[in-house]
C-alpha atoms as a PDB file:
ATOM      1  CA  MET A   1      35.567  -3.079 -23.191  1.00  0.00           C
ATOM      2  CA  GLN A   2      36.366  -5.961 -20.407  1.00  0.00           C
ATOM      3  CA  GLY A   3      35.998  -6.139 -16.648  1.00  0.00           C
ATOM      4  CA  HIS A   4      33.593  -3.033 -16.337  1.00  0.00           C
ATOM      5  CA  ILE A   5      30.391  -2.776 -14.282  1.00  0.00           C
ATOM      6  CA  VAL A   6      27.114  -2.152 -15.938  1.00  0.00           C
ATOM      7  CA  ILE A   7      24.582  -0.125 -13.944  1.00  0.00           C
ATOM      8  CA  THR A   8      20.835   0.815 -14.606  1.00  0.00           C
ATOM      9  CA  GLY A   9      19.100   3.232 -12.469  1.00  0.00           C
ATOM     10  CA  ALA A  10      22.356   5.264 -12.186  1.00  0.00           C
ATOM     11  CA  THR A  11      20.651   8.585 -12.076  1.00  0.00           C
ATOM     12  CA  GLY A  12      18.578   7.720  -8.979  1.00  0.00           C
ATOM     13  CA  VAL A  13      19.401   8.711  -5.448  1.00  0.00           C
ATOM     14  CA  ILE A  14      21.105   5.329  -4.721  1.00  0.00           C
ATOM     15  CA  GLY A  15      22.606   4.971  -8.313  1.00  0.00           C
ATOM     16  CA  ALA A  16      24.119   8.425  -8.531  1.00  0.00           C
ATOM     17  CA  GLU A  17      26.021   7.792  -5.309  1.00  0.00           C
ATOM     18  CA  LEU A  18      27.212   4.284  -6.063  1.00  0.00           C
ATOM     19  CA  VAL A  19      28.432   5.351  -9.408  1.00  0.00           C
ATOM     20  CA  LEU A  20      30.549   8.144  -7.875  1.00  0.00           C
ATOM     21  CA  LYS A  21      31.927   5.542  -5.307  1.00  0.00           C
ATOM     22  CA  LEU A  22      32.899   2.945  -8.173  1.00  0.00           C
ATOM     23  CA  ILE A  23      34.438   5.903 -10.321  1.00  0.00           C
ATOM     24  CA  ASN A  24      36.702   6.897  -7.374  1.00  0.00           C
ATOM     25  CA  ARG A  25      37.779   3.513  -6.689  1.00  0.00           C
ATOM     26  CA  GLY A  26      38.996   3.156 -10.295  1.00  0.00           C
ATOM     27  CA  GLU A  27      36.172   0.924 -11.661  1.00  0.00           C
ATOM     28  CA  LYS A  28      35.144   1.257 -15.368  1.00  0.00           C
ATOM     29  CA  VAL A  29      31.361   2.085 -15.237  1.00  0.00           C
ATOM     30  CA  VAL A  30      28.917   1.838 -18.079  1.00  0.00           C
ATOM     31  CA  LEU A  31      25.603   3.589 -17.399  1.00  0.00           C
ATOM     32  CA  LEU A  32      22.443   2.233 -19.063  1.00  0.00           C
ATOM     33  CA  SER A  33      19.843   5.027 -19.380  1.00  0.00           C
ATOM     34  CA  ARG A  34      16.597   6.123 -20.933  1.00  0.00           C
ATOM     35  CA  SER A  35      18.519   9.349 -21.641  1.00  0.00           C
ATOM     36  CA  PRO A  36      22.234   8.728 -21.879  1.00  0.00           C
ATOM     37  CA  GLU A  37      22.764  12.651 -22.643  1.00  0.00           C
ATOM     38  CA  SER A  38      21.186  13.552 -19.442  1.00  0.00           C
ATOM     39  CA  ALA A  39      23.001  10.812 -17.521  1.00  0.00           C
ATOM     40  CA  ALA A  40      26.268  12.258 -18.876  1.00  0.00           C
ATOM     41  CA  ARG A  41      25.438  15.652 -17.768  1.00  0.00           C
ATOM     42  CA  GLN A  42      24.390  14.543 -14.208  1.00  0.00           C
ATOM     43  CA  ILE A  43      27.221  12.121 -13.755  1.00  0.00           C
ATOM     44  CA  SER A  44      30.533  12.636 -15.280  1.00  0.00           C
ATOM     45  CA  GLY A  45      33.487  10.173 -15.335  1.00  0.00           C
ATOM     46  CA  ALA A  46      31.780   6.996 -16.658  1.00  0.00           C
ATOM     47  CA  ALA A  47      33.234   4.789 -19.008  1.00  0.00           C
ATOM     48  CA  GLY A  48      30.213   4.848 -21.372  1.00  0.00           C
ATOM     49  CA  TYR A  49      26.572   6.122 -21.593  1.00  0.00           C
ATOM     50  CA  VAL A  50      24.235   3.896 -23.405  1.00  0.00           C
ATOM     51  CA  LYS A  51      20.662   3.947 -24.431  1.00  0.00           C
ATOM     52  CA  TRP A  52      18.364   1.572 -22.622  1.00  0.00           C
ATOM     53  CA  ASP A  53      14.999   1.166 -21.267  1.00  0.00           C
ATOM     54  CA  PRO A  54      13.102  -1.566 -19.636  1.00  0.00           C
ATOM     55  CA  TYR A  55      11.154  -2.396 -22.684  1.00  0.00           C
ATOM     56  CA  MET A  56      14.063  -2.991 -24.984  1.00  0.00           C
ATOM     57  CA  GLU A  57      14.643  -6.627 -25.485  1.00  0.00           C
ATOM     58  CA  SER A  58      17.948  -6.152 -27.050  1.00  0.00           C
ATOM     59  CA  GLY A  59      19.853  -3.504 -28.698  1.00  0.00           C
ATOM     60  CA  GLU A  60      23.427  -1.780 -28.343  1.00  0.00           C
ATOM     61  CA  TRP A  61      23.099  -2.038 -24.564  1.00  0.00           C
ATOM     62  CA  SER A  62      22.976  -5.914 -24.391  1.00  0.00           C
ATOM     63  CA  GLY A  63      26.584  -5.951 -25.964  1.00  0.00           C
ATOM     64  CA  PHE A  64      27.926  -4.350 -22.929  1.00  0.00           C
ATOM     65  CA  ILE A  65      26.939  -7.298 -20.723  1.00  0.00           C
ATOM     66  CA  ASN A  66      29.359  -9.481 -22.441  1.00  0.00           C
ATOM     67  CA  GLY A  67      32.637  -9.201 -20.466  1.00  0.00           C
ATOM     68  CA  ALA A  68      31.224  -7.188 -17.851  1.00  0.00           C
ATOM     69  CA  LYS A  69      32.649  -7.735 -14.244  1.00  0.00           C
ATOM     70  CA  ALA A  70      29.278  -7.278 -12.608  1.00  0.00           C
ATOM     71  CA  VAL A  71      25.676  -5.954 -13.494  1.00  0.00           C
ATOM     72  CA  ILE A  72      23.817  -3.827 -10.990  1.00  0.00           C
ATOM     73  CA  HIS A  73      20.399  -3.484 -11.904  1.00  0.00           C
ATOM     74  CA  LEU A  74      18.512  -0.643  -9.850  1.00  0.00           C
ATOM     75  CA  ALA A  75      15.911   0.784 -12.464  1.00  0.00           C
ATOM     76  CA  GLY A  76      12.268   1.069 -11.735  1.00  0.00           C
ATOM     77  CA  LYS A  77       9.740   3.688 -12.103  1.00  0.00           C
ATOM     78  CA  PRO A  78       9.357   5.250  -8.614  1.00  0.00           C
ATOM     79  CA  LEU A  79       6.287   3.969  -6.777  1.00  0.00           C
ATOM     80  CA  LEU A  80       5.194   6.516  -4.476  1.00  0.00           C
ATOM     81  CA  GLU A  81       6.409   9.820  -6.156  1.00  0.00           C
ATOM     82  CA  SER A  82       2.939  10.329  -7.700  1.00  0.00           C
ATOM     83  CA  ARG A  83      -0.690   9.791  -7.367  1.00  0.00           C
ATOM     84  CA  TRP A  84      -1.761   6.041  -7.870  1.00  0.00           C
ATOM     85  CA  ASN A  85      -3.904   5.127 -10.861  1.00  0.00           C
ATOM     86  CA  GLU A  86      -4.190   1.969 -12.864  1.00  0.00           C
ATOM     87  CA  ALA A  87      -1.652   3.325 -15.425  1.00  0.00           C
ATOM     88  CA  HIS A  88       0.763   4.170 -12.947  1.00  0.00           C
ATOM     89  CA  LYS A  89       0.540   0.961 -11.133  1.00  0.00           C
ATOM     90  CA  GLU A  90       0.988  -0.827 -14.462  1.00  0.00           C
ATOM     91  CA  GLU A  91       4.215   1.064 -15.321  1.00  0.00           C
ATOM     92  CA  CYS A  92       5.897   0.494 -11.834  1.00  0.00           C
ATOM     93  CA  TYR A  93       5.079  -3.271 -12.402  1.00  0.00           C
ATOM     94  CA  ASN A  94       6.137  -3.488 -15.868  1.00  0.00           C
ATOM     95  CA  SER A  95       9.307  -1.294 -15.500  1.00  0.00           C
ATOM     96  CA  ARG A  96      10.600  -3.937 -13.071  1.00  0.00           C
ATOM     97  CA  ILE A  97       9.339  -7.121 -14.360  1.00  0.00           C
ATOM     98  CA  LEU A  98      10.267  -6.659 -17.962  1.00  0.00           C
ATOM     99  CA  GLY A  99      13.434  -4.678 -17.286  1.00  0.00           C
ATOM    100  CA  THR A 100      14.587  -7.572 -15.253  1.00  0.00           C
ATOM    101  CA  ARG A 101      13.534 -10.242 -17.653  1.00  0.00           C
ATOM    102  CA  ASN A 102      15.392  -8.379 -20.471  1.00  0.00           C
ATOM    103  CA  MET A 103      18.494  -7.954 -18.478  1.00  0.00           C
ATOM    104  CA  VAL A 104      18.593 -11.699 -17.443  1.00  0.00           C
ATOM    105  CA  SER A 105      18.202 -12.816 -21.113  1.00  0.00           C
ATOM    106  CA  ALA A 106      21.187 -10.616 -21.945  1.00  0.00           C
ATOM    107  CA  ILE A 107      23.119 -12.262 -19.332  1.00  0.00           C
ATOM    108  CA  ALA A 108      22.207 -15.728 -20.413  1.00  0.00           C
ATOM    109  CA  GLY A 109      23.034 -14.762 -24.239  1.00  0.00           C
ATOM    110  CA  ALA A 110      26.558 -13.346 -23.031  1.00  0.00           C
ATOM    111  CA  LYS A 111      29.457 -15.386 -24.199  1.00  0.00           C
ATOM    112  CA  GLU A 112      31.555 -14.111 -21.339  1.00  0.00           C
ATOM    113  CA  LYS A 113      29.126 -13.634 -18.366  1.00  0.00           C
ATOM    114  CA  PRO A 114      29.333 -11.368 -15.464  1.00  0.00           C
ATOM    115  CA  GLU A 115      30.497 -12.565 -12.006  1.00  0.00           C
ATOM    116  CA  VAL A 116      27.648 -11.262 -10.232  1.00  0.00           C
ATOM    117  CA  PHE A 117      24.162  -9.991 -10.826  1.00  0.00           C
ATOM    118  CA  ILE A 118      22.914  -7.511  -8.068  1.00  0.00           C
ATOM    119  CA  SER A 119      19.092  -6.951  -8.592  1.00  0.00           C
ATOM    120  CA  ALA A 120      17.200  -4.464  -6.775  1.00  0.00           C
ATOM    121  CA  SER A 121      14.083  -5.371  -4.672  1.00  0.00           C
ATOM    122  CA  ALA A 122      12.581  -4.179  -1.759  1.00  0.00           C
ATOM    123  CA  ILE A 123      11.097  -4.902   1.889  1.00  0.00           C
ATOM    124  CA  GLY A 124       7.646  -4.475   0.365  1.00  0.00           C
ATOM    125  CA  TYR A 125       8.204  -8.267  -0.504  1.00  0.00           C
ATOM    126  CA  TYR A 126       6.974  -9.115   3.054  1.00  0.00           C
ATOM    127  CA  GLY A 127       3.861  -7.018   2.737  1.00  0.00           C
ATOM    128  CA  SER A 128       2.614  -4.022   4.771  1.00  0.00           C
ATOM    129  CA  PHE A 129       1.541  -3.783   8.504  1.00  0.00           C
ATOM    130  CA  ASP A 130      -0.251  -1.118  10.423  1.00  0.00           C
ATOM    131  CA  CYS A 131       1.493  -1.320  13.742  1.00  0.00           C
ATOM    132  CA  CYS A 132       5.089  -1.641  14.784  1.00  0.00           C
ATOM    133  CA  SER A 133       4.763  -3.053  18.309  1.00  0.00           C
ATOM    134  CA  ASP A 134       2.472  -5.793  17.108  1.00  0.00           C
ATOM    135  CA  THR A 135       4.713  -6.807  14.207  1.00  0.00           C
ATOM    136  CA  PRO A 136       7.525  -9.607  14.520  1.00  0.00           C
ATOM    137  CA  ASP A 137      10.914  -9.093  13.374  1.00  0.00           C
ATOM    138  CA  ILE A 138      11.148 -10.174   9.860  1.00  0.00           C
ATOM    139  CA  VAL A 139      14.415 -11.550   8.387  1.00  0.00           C
ATOM    140  CA  GLU A 140      15.137 -13.080   4.826  1.00  0.00           C
ATOM    141  CA  SER A 141      13.180 -16.209   5.709  1.00  0.00           C
ATOM    142  CA  GLY A 142      10.210 -14.170   6.250  1.00  0.00           C
ATOM    143  CA  SER A 143       6.645 -14.766   4.500  1.00  0.00           C
ATOM    144  CA  LYS A 144       5.776 -13.280   1.242  1.00  0.00           C
ATOM    145  CA  GLY A 145       3.228 -10.613   1.523  1.00  0.00           C
ATOM    146  CA  ARG A 146      -0.045 -10.557  -0.623  1.00  0.00           C
ATOM    147  CA  ASP A 147      -0.707  -6.800  -1.288  1.00  0.00           C
ATOM    148  CA  PHE A 148       0.233  -5.055  -4.663  1.00  0.00           C
ATOM    149  CA  LEU A 149       3.834  -4.033  -3.454  1.00  0.00           C
ATOM    150  CA  ALA A 150       4.538  -7.399  -2.383  1.00  0.00           C
ATOM    151  CA  LYS A 151       3.361  -8.909  -5.833  1.00  0.00           C
ATOM    152  CA  ILE A 152       5.770  -6.433  -7.609  1.00  0.00           C
ATOM    153  CA  CYS A 153       8.696  -7.474  -5.356  1.00  0.00           C
ATOM    154  CA  ILE A 154       7.774 -11.282  -5.669  1.00  0.00           C
ATOM    155  CA  ASP A 155       7.401 -11.274  -9.335  1.00  0.00           C
ATOM    156  CA  TRP A 156      10.524  -8.883  -9.712  1.00  0.00           C
ATOM    157  CA  GLU A 157      12.624 -11.534  -7.831  1.00  0.00           C
ATOM    158  CA  LYS A 158      11.191 -14.393  -9.786  1.00  0.00           C
ATOM    159  CA  GLU A 159      12.549 -12.976 -13.120  1.00  0.00           C
ATOM    160  CA  ALA A 160      15.925 -12.316 -11.523  1.00  0.00           C
ATOM    161  CA  LEU A 161      16.232 -15.949 -10.017  1.00  0.00           C
ATOM    162  CA  GLU A 162      16.488 -17.048 -13.693  1.00  0.00           C
ATOM    163  CA  THR A 163      19.822 -15.748 -13.704  1.00  0.00           C
ATOM    164  CA  GLU A 164      21.040 -18.680 -11.377  1.00  0.00           C
ATOM    165  CA  LYS A 165      20.508 -21.123 -14.372  1.00  0.00           C
ATOM    166  CA  THR A 166      23.471 -19.227 -16.062  1.00  0.00           C
ATOM    167  CA  GLY A 167      25.745 -19.788 -13.016  1.00  0.00           C
ATOM    168  CA  VAL A 168      26.086 -16.188 -12.233  1.00  0.00           C
ATOM    169  CA  ARG A 169      25.916 -15.312  -8.496  1.00  0.00           C
ATOM    170  CA  LEU A 170      22.717 -13.367  -7.865  1.00  0.00           C
ATOM    171  CA  VAL A 171      22.128 -10.985  -5.109  1.00  0.00           C
ATOM    172  CA  LEU A 172      18.370  -9.857  -4.421  1.00  0.00           C
ATOM    173  CA  LEU A 173      18.865  -6.653  -2.558  1.00  0.00           C
ATOM    174  CA  ARG A 174      15.706  -5.958  -0.397  1.00  0.00           C
ATOM    175  CA  THR A 175      16.133  -2.286   0.390  1.00  0.00           C
ATOM    176  CA  GLY A 176      14.152  -0.539   3.048  1.00  0.00           C
ATOM    177  CA  ILE A 177      13.455   3.190   3.426  1.00  0.00           C
ATOM    178  CA  VAL A 178      16.813   4.775   2.105  1.00  0.00           C
ATOM    179  CA  LEU A 179      17.664   8.010   4.064  1.00  0.00           C
ATOM    180  CA  SER A 180      18.993  10.791   2.103  1.00  0.00           C
ATOM    181  CA  THR A 181      18.473  14.523   1.804  1.00  0.00           C
ATOM    182  CA  LYS A 182      18.597  14.233  -2.089  1.00  0.00           C
ATOM    183  CA  GLY A 183      15.367  12.334  -2.314  1.00  0.00           C
ATOM    184  CA  GLY A 184      12.896   9.974  -1.029  1.00  0.00           C
ATOM    185  CA  MET A 185      10.898   9.877   2.447  1.00  0.00           C
ATOM    186  CA  LEU A 186      13.372  12.089   4.492  1.00  0.00           C
ATOM    187  CA  GLN A 187      13.681  14.933   1.925  1.00  0.00           C
ATOM    188  CA  LYS A 188       9.969  15.220   1.639  1.00  0.00           C
ATOM    189  CA  MET A 189       9.843  15.373   5.619  1.00  0.00           C
ATOM    190  CA  LEU A 190      12.207  18.262   5.714  1.00  0.00           C
ATOM    191  CA  ALA A 191      10.334  21.166   4.420  1.00  0.00           C
ATOM    192  CA  PRO A 192       7.447  21.067   6.777  1.00  0.00           C
ATOM    193  CA  PHE A 193       9.714  20.580   9.769  1.00  0.00           C
ATOM    194  CA  ASN A 194      11.736  23.542   8.721  1.00  0.00           C
ATOM    195  CA  PHE A 195       8.380  25.589   8.969  1.00  0.00           C
ATOM    196  CA  PHE A 196       7.634  24.069  12.307  1.00  0.00           C
ATOM    197  CA  LEU A 197       4.871  21.978  10.916  1.00  0.00           C
ATOM    198  CA  GLY A 198       6.550  18.609  11.034  1.00  0.00           C
ATOM    199  CA  GLY A 199       5.151  15.543  12.583  1.00  0.00           C
ATOM    200  CA  PRO A 200       4.503  11.925  12.042  1.00  0.00           C
ATOM    201  CA  ILE A 201       2.540  10.497   8.898  1.00  0.00           C
ATOM    202  CA  GLY A 202      -0.606   8.636   9.462  1.00  0.00           C
ATOM    203  CA  SER A 203      -1.039   7.065  12.777  1.00  0.00           C
ATOM    204  CA  GLY A 204       2.512   7.157  13.742  1.00  0.00           C
ATOM    205  CA  LEU A 205       2.232   3.410  14.742  1.00  0.00           C
ATOM    206  CA  GLN A 206       3.546   1.843  11.375  1.00  0.00           C
ATOM    207  CA  CYS A 207       7.161   0.547  11.550  1.00  0.00           C
ATOM    208  CA  ILE A 208      10.044   2.262   9.628  1.00  0.00           C
ATOM    209  CA  SER A 209      12.794  -0.062   8.270  1.00  0.00           C
ATOM    210  CA  TRP A 210      15.456   2.421   7.178  1.00  0.00           C
ATOM    211  CA  ILE A 211      19.169   2.651   6.076  1.00  0.00           C
ATOM    212  CA  HIS A 212      21.450   5.563   5.599  1.00  0.00           C
ATOM    213  CA  LEU A 213      22.542   5.920   2.131  1.00  0.00           C
ATOM    214  CA  ASP A 214      26.150   5.530   3.074  1.00  0.00           C
ATOM    215  CA  ASP A 215      25.425   2.246   4.464  1.00  0.00           C
ATOM    216  CA  GLU A 216      23.185   1.177   1.433  1.00  0.00           C
ATOM    217  CA  ILE A 217      26.153   1.885  -0.820  1.00  0.00           C
ATOM    218  CA  ALA A 218      28.644  -0.049   1.582  1.00  0.00           C
ATOM    219  CA  CYS A 219      26.099  -2.919   1.510  1.00  0.00           C
ATOM    220  CA  ILE A 220      26.260  -2.964  -2.439  1.00  0.00           C
ATOM    221  CA  LEU A 221      29.845  -2.688  -2.537  1.00  0.00           C
ATOM    222  CA  GLU A 222      30.334  -5.647  -0.297  1.00  0.00           C
ATOM    223  CA  ALA A 223      27.775  -7.566  -2.295  1.00  0.00           C
ATOM    224  CA  LEU A 224      29.846  -6.766  -5.524  1.00  0.00           C
ATOM    225  CA  ASP A 225      33.138  -8.008  -4.015  1.00  0.00           C
ATOM    226  CA  ASN A 226      32.297 -10.631  -1.573  1.00  0.00           C
ATOM    227  CA  PRO A 227      31.445 -13.988  -3.024  1.00  0.00           C
ATOM    228  CA  SER A 228      29.584 -15.199  -0.069  1.00  0.00           C
ATOM    229  CA  TYR A 229      26.952 -12.609  -0.502  1.00  0.00           C
ATOM    230  CA  LYS A 230      24.028 -14.341  -2.433  1.00  0.00           C
ATOM    231  CA  GLY A 231      20.308 -14.669  -2.506  1.00  0.00           C
ATOM    232  CA  PRO A 232      18.139 -12.152  -0.673  1.00  0.00           C
ATOM    233  CA  ILE A 233      19.753  -9.601   1.471  1.00  0.00           C
ATOM    234  CA  ASN A 234      17.773  -7.017   3.589  1.00  0.00           C
ATOM    235  CA  ALA A 235      19.394  -3.803   3.308  1.00  0.00           C
ATOM    236  CA  VAL A 236      18.141  -2.091   6.379  1.00  0.00           C
ATOM    237  CA  SER A 237      19.639  -1.050   9.643  1.00  0.00           C
ATOM    238  CA  PRO A 238      19.331  -3.041  12.880  1.00  0.00           C
ATOM    239  CA  GLU A 239      17.070  -0.550  14.284  1.00  0.00           C
ATOM    240  CA  PRO A 240      13.592  -0.200  13.042  1.00  0.00           C
ATOM    241  CA  VAL A 241      11.465   2.358  14.581  1.00  0.00           C
ATOM    242  CA  SER A 242       7.707   3.630  14.598  1.00  0.00           C
ATOM    243  CA  MET A 243       7.020   6.437  12.472  1.00  0.00           C
ATOM    244  CA  LYS A 244       6.209   8.541  15.549  1.00  0.00           C
ATOM    245  CA  ASP A 245       9.664   7.919  16.970  1.00  0.00           C
ATOM    246  CA  PHE A 246      11.342   8.581  13.567  1.00  0.00           C
ATOM    247  CA  ALA A 247       9.294  11.930  13.488  1.00  0.00           C
ATOM    248  CA  ALA A 248      10.348  12.799  17.040  1.00  0.00           C
ATOM    249  CA  ARG A 249      14.204  11.941  16.378  1.00  0.00           C
ATOM    250  CA  LEU A 250      13.907  14.188  13.111  1.00  0.00           C
ATOM    251  CA  GLY A 251      12.498  16.862  15.059  1.00  0.00           C
ATOM    252  CA  GLU A 252      15.342  16.508  17.749  1.00  0.00           C
ATOM    253  CA  ALA A 253      18.095  16.360  14.940  1.00  0.00           C
ATOM    254  CA  LEU A 254      16.625  19.816  13.235  1.00  0.00           C
ATOM    255  CA  GLY A 255      15.964  21.607  16.558  1.00  0.00           C
ATOM    256  CA  ARG A 256      12.011  21.431  15.705  1.00  0.00           C
ATOM    257  CA  PRO A 257       9.030  20.112  17.337  1.00  0.00           C
ATOM    258  CA  SER A 258       7.212  17.218  16.090  1.00  0.00           C
ATOM    259  CA  LEU A 259       3.613  17.965  16.888  1.00  0.00           C
ATOM    260  CA  LEU A 260       1.538  17.957  13.770  1.00  0.00           C
ATOM    261  CA  PRO A 261       0.852  14.611  12.300  1.00  0.00           C
ATOM    262  CA  VAL A 262      -0.215  14.195   8.706  1.00  0.00           C
ATOM    263  CA  PRO A 263      -3.551  12.523   8.542  1.00  0.00           C
ATOM    264  CA  LYS A 264      -4.136   9.667   6.475  1.00  0.00           C
ATOM    265  CA  LEU A 265      -6.791  11.449   4.695  1.00  0.00           C
ATOM    266  CA  ALA A 266      -4.363  14.089   3.411  1.00  0.00           C
ATOM    267  CA  VAL A 267      -2.058  11.518   2.295  1.00  0.00           C
ATOM    268  CA  GLN A 268      -5.035   9.873   0.368  1.00  0.00           C
ATOM    269  CA  LEU A 269      -5.826  13.034  -1.412  1.00  0.00           C
ATOM    270  CA  LEU A 270      -2.179  13.410  -2.649  1.00  0.00           C
ATOM    271  CA  MET A 271      -1.539   9.804  -3.431  1.00  0.00           C
ATOM    272  CA  GLY A 272      -4.891   7.914  -3.814  1.00  0.00           C
ATOM    273  CA  GLU A 273      -4.511   4.309  -3.301  1.00  0.00           C
ATOM    274  CA  GLY A 274      -0.799   4.541  -2.854  1.00  0.00           C
ATOM    275  CA  ALA A 275      -1.718   6.083   0.600  1.00  0.00           C
ATOM    276  CA  GLU A 276      -2.604   2.626   1.904  1.00  0.00           C
ATOM    277  CA  TYR A 277       1.354   1.842   1.629  1.00  0.00           C
ATOM    278  CA  ALA A 278       2.587   5.417   2.837  1.00  0.00           C
ATOM    279  CA  VAL A 279       1.018   4.860   6.292  1.00  0.00           C
ATOM    280  CA  LYS A 280       1.968   1.243   6.735  1.00  0.00           C
ATOM    281  CA  GLY A 281       5.333  -0.462   7.006  1.00  0.00           C
ATOM    282  CA  GLN A 282       7.476  -3.431   7.860  1.00  0.00           C
ATOM    283  CA  LYS A 283       9.654  -4.574  11.068  1.00  0.00           C
ATOM    284  CA  VAL A 284      12.562  -5.952   9.028  1.00  0.00           C
ATOM    285  CA  LYS A 285      15.857  -6.829  10.302  1.00  0.00           C
ATOM    286  CA  PRO A 286      19.283  -7.313   8.459  1.00  0.00           C
ATOM    287  CA  GLY A 287      19.541 -10.893   9.327  1.00  0.00           C
ATOM    288  CA  PHE A 288      21.894 -11.796   6.434  1.00  0.00           C
ATOM    289  CA  LEU A 289      24.258  -8.679   7.074  1.00  0.00           C
ATOM    290  CA  GLN A 290      24.631  -9.282  10.565  1.00  0.00           C
ATOM    291  CA  ALA A 291      25.287 -13.049  10.227  1.00  0.00           C
ATOM    292  CA  HIS A 292      27.847 -12.090   7.684  1.00  0.00           C
ATOM    293  CA  GLY A 293      29.631  -9.302   9.873  1.00  0.00           C
ATOM    294  CA  PHE A 294      28.628  -6.229   8.146  1.00  0.00           C
ATOM    295  CA  THR A 295      29.607  -3.106   9.995  1.00  0.00           C
ATOM    296  CA  PHE A 296      26.991  -0.374   9.884  1.00  0.00           C
ATOM    297  CA  THR A 297      28.342   3.254  10.031  1.00  0.00           C
ATOM    298  CA  TYR A 298      24.894   4.491  11.160  1.00  0.00           C
ATOM    299  CA  PRO A 299      23.115   1.623  13.158  1.00  0.00           C
ATOM    300  CA  HIS A 300      21.164   3.982  15.179  1.00  0.00           C
ATOM    301  CA  LEU A 301      18.582   6.619  13.822  1.00  0.00           C
ATOM    302  CA  ALA A 302      19.495   9.476  15.907  1.00  0.00           C
ATOM    303  CA  GLU A 303      23.125   9.295  14.616  1.00  0.00           C
ATOM    304  CA  ALA A 304      21.865   8.828  10.923  1.00  0.00           C
ATOM    305  CA  LEU A 305      19.777  11.784  11.111  1.00  0.00           C
ATOM    306  CA  SER A 306      22.029  13.920  12.847  1.00  0.00           C
ATOM    307  CA  ASP A 307      24.660  13.343   9.997  1.00  0.00           C
ATOM    308  CA  LEU A 308      22.097  13.720   7.098  1.00  0.00           C
ATOM    309  CA  VAL A 309      20.649  17.115   8.335  1.00  0.00           C
ATOM    310  CA  LYS A 310      23.642  18.749   9.849  1.00  0.00           C
ATOM    311  CA  TYR A 311      23.789  21.077   6.709  1.00  0.00           C
ATOM    312  CA  LYS A 312      20.186  21.482   6.640  1.00  0.00           C
ATOM    313  CA  LYS A 313      19.499  23.465   9.628  1.00  0.00           C
END
């Protein structure tokens, strides 16, 4: 097989939508998955479904790197989907670091290397802050953070940067909070709002740097096609908002009040140490995307939420 696109993390919220877009535009897509059978049931129409997990140094999967047009590496254990303990933190870290290390090794060993390696990262790279109004705007040149999520992102990118030694174009996709009704923060907030129990999480002062799923996919496709896209790219909208404002706009989109904040203590009971990150944020701007003329379909939160929840009322 030649000229195909290899994707990890294809069954996640971003990956599943991306695969469908690529198939619809006629691309041959090969999905690397812990469970190829499950991936095939969830997403039809791919050119291949191959066994892979982040701890596999080589195997059948590595042969598909040779001759690939691109590798899009989105896989990683979800960080905030369950209560934190040391085992969870270790798996979140290792799934990203070792998975990326093994992918880079396969790229280096490929006789015919891909044109581009798009490696997921996150705005957690910059660290977490308590208050939106006191936080300066952060673009791609922003300083590294010092907390656990920042360490994951920094070390994750460090592994991906080894790709540059092979001459393959590298994109480090620093994604913010992706808005979708199929998973993530927005989906979790919908249920209490629908029962008139919605409100901001924590103090409401933390900054939410978000992006509509459609714009996230458009950003990845542009990074795939445009050779000027390289290095770190903040995949966020131009309009970060406070959690209080986010909850208020969501309430307006749903026709529900935003009156009942979720206290930090309640989040701690559910998430343990992970609550520290659920009630903090970053004020991140899409410096690279704006400099390169990227057009957001949903630059403003009210329109993004209105589009996403229009069938949920």
